[in-house]
């Protein structure tokens, strides 16, 4: 009896794990298949290329990502001081030099690889064990499917937040609420030597990151 119970628990754990991994992989594959049918739409909606800032030497500068919150409340000093703001902006990631734009596929397309069966010793060998296996694998499958949906939603939220954050930068820049990044090109001529030499070597460096500007009197309203 004790051996049977231990065996059932081992089968339960193995089938739950296998079911969860299989459900995660299958649901992820379904999501990728659906995304394939909507590539043209996604390419249009999340076109990071149009948000990039051209730089010298064929390089590109990816704009900052700025988040926005509303009705922010901060309580300090043990409840003796409170501050309330209508809106709050944060530069969550500043501008950076890139050679190509981001792509929504890098956010949303996941792959979990081959889902392998548990070792043979953990596979069912009779009707009772097959029943235990089937029951718990179904539970694991459902959990894996739910996990895939949660991961996809989190990835989609991240994609939308980053894209919206770059668009927000452009709007705030037009209003004078944030400064543009400053990049400096350095012409280094001929560099290297020995086994490698670089001719026409030049470097691009962001020397002044974007900053939020608190001089409200300089802000400009942008027509909607």
Foldseek 3Di string as FASTA:
>chain_A
DVVVVVLLVLLLVQLLVLLLVVLLQVLLVVVVVVVVVCVVVQCVVQVQVVLWDADPPQKIKRAFFKDKDAFDKDADDVRPDIDTDGMDMDRPGWIDIDNDGDGLCVLARDHDDDRDHDPPSSQDDDPVSVVSSVVSSVVSSVNNNVVNVVSNVVSVVVSVSRSVRSVVVVVCVLFVQKDAFDKDKAFPAWDDDDPDIDGRDMDIDGPGIMDGDPPVVSTHDDDD
